[in-house]
Protein backbone atom coordinates (compact mmCIF):
# COMPACT_ATOMS: atom_id res chain seq x y z
CA MET A 1 74.20 -14.80 -121.91
CA LYS A 2 77.99 -15.21 -121.81
CA ASP A 3 77.69 -18.06 -119.29
CA ALA A 4 75.22 -19.87 -121.55
CA ALA A 5 77.50 -19.31 -124.56
CA LEU A 6 80.49 -20.68 -122.68
CA THR A 7 78.54 -23.75 -121.56
CA TRP A 8 77.21 -24.34 -125.09
CA SER A 9 80.62 -24.00 -126.76
CA THR A 10 82.22 -26.27 -124.14
CA GLN A 11 79.57 -28.96 -124.62
CA ARG A 12 79.89 -28.81 -128.41
CA ALA A 13 83.68 -29.06 -128.15
CA GLU A 14 83.29 -32.31 -126.18
CA GLY A 15 81.49 -33.69 -129.23
CA GLY A 16 84.23 -32.50 -131.60
CA GLU A 17 82.46 -29.38 -132.89
CA VAL A 18 84.32 -26.13 -132.28
CA ILE A 19 82.16 -23.05 -131.71
CA ASP A 20 83.98 -19.90 -130.68
CA THR A 21 82.56 -18.56 -127.40
CA GLU A 22 82.10 -15.08 -128.89
CA MET A 23 80.22 -16.50 -131.89
CA ALA A 24 78.06 -18.60 -129.57
CA SER A 25 77.24 -15.43 -127.63
CA VAL A 26 76.23 -13.64 -130.84
CA ILE A 27 74.03 -16.56 -131.92
CA LEU A 28 72.30 -16.75 -128.53
CA GLY A 29 71.87 -12.97 -128.47
CA ASP A 30 70.22 -13.06 -131.90
CA LEU A 31 67.97 -15.91 -130.78
CA ALA A 32 66.96 -13.95 -127.66
CA ALA A 33 66.17 -10.89 -129.82
CA LEU A 34 64.01 -13.06 -132.10
CA VAL A 35 62.08 -14.40 -129.10
CA ARG A 36 61.57 -10.89 -127.67
CA SER A 37 60.29 -9.67 -131.03
CA ALA A 38 57.92 -12.62 -131.42
CA ARG A 39 56.56 -12.22 -127.89
CA GLY A 40 56.02 -8.52 -128.50
CA GLN A 41 53.80 -9.49 -131.44
CA GLY A 42 51.91 -12.11 -129.43
CA GLN A 43 53.72 -14.95 -131.22
CA GLY A 44 55.90 -17.80 -130.08
CA VAL A 45 59.14 -19.35 -131.28
CA TYR A 46 59.88 -23.03 -131.72
CA CYS A 47 63.56 -23.91 -131.72
CA TRP A 48 64.70 -27.39 -132.68
CA VAL A 49 68.37 -28.30 -132.49
CA ALA A 50 69.93 -31.47 -133.85
């Protein structure tokens, strides 16, 4: 998860948006928890990012 957060924050920084790597890790961790919960209930998650 930390590698994904680092990649995400680096890519956003290239576009001028600063996302702290630790905050990115928290966001991705929360998203992963949401997906696990949904799957456990037989549901899916749609994630759209602009």
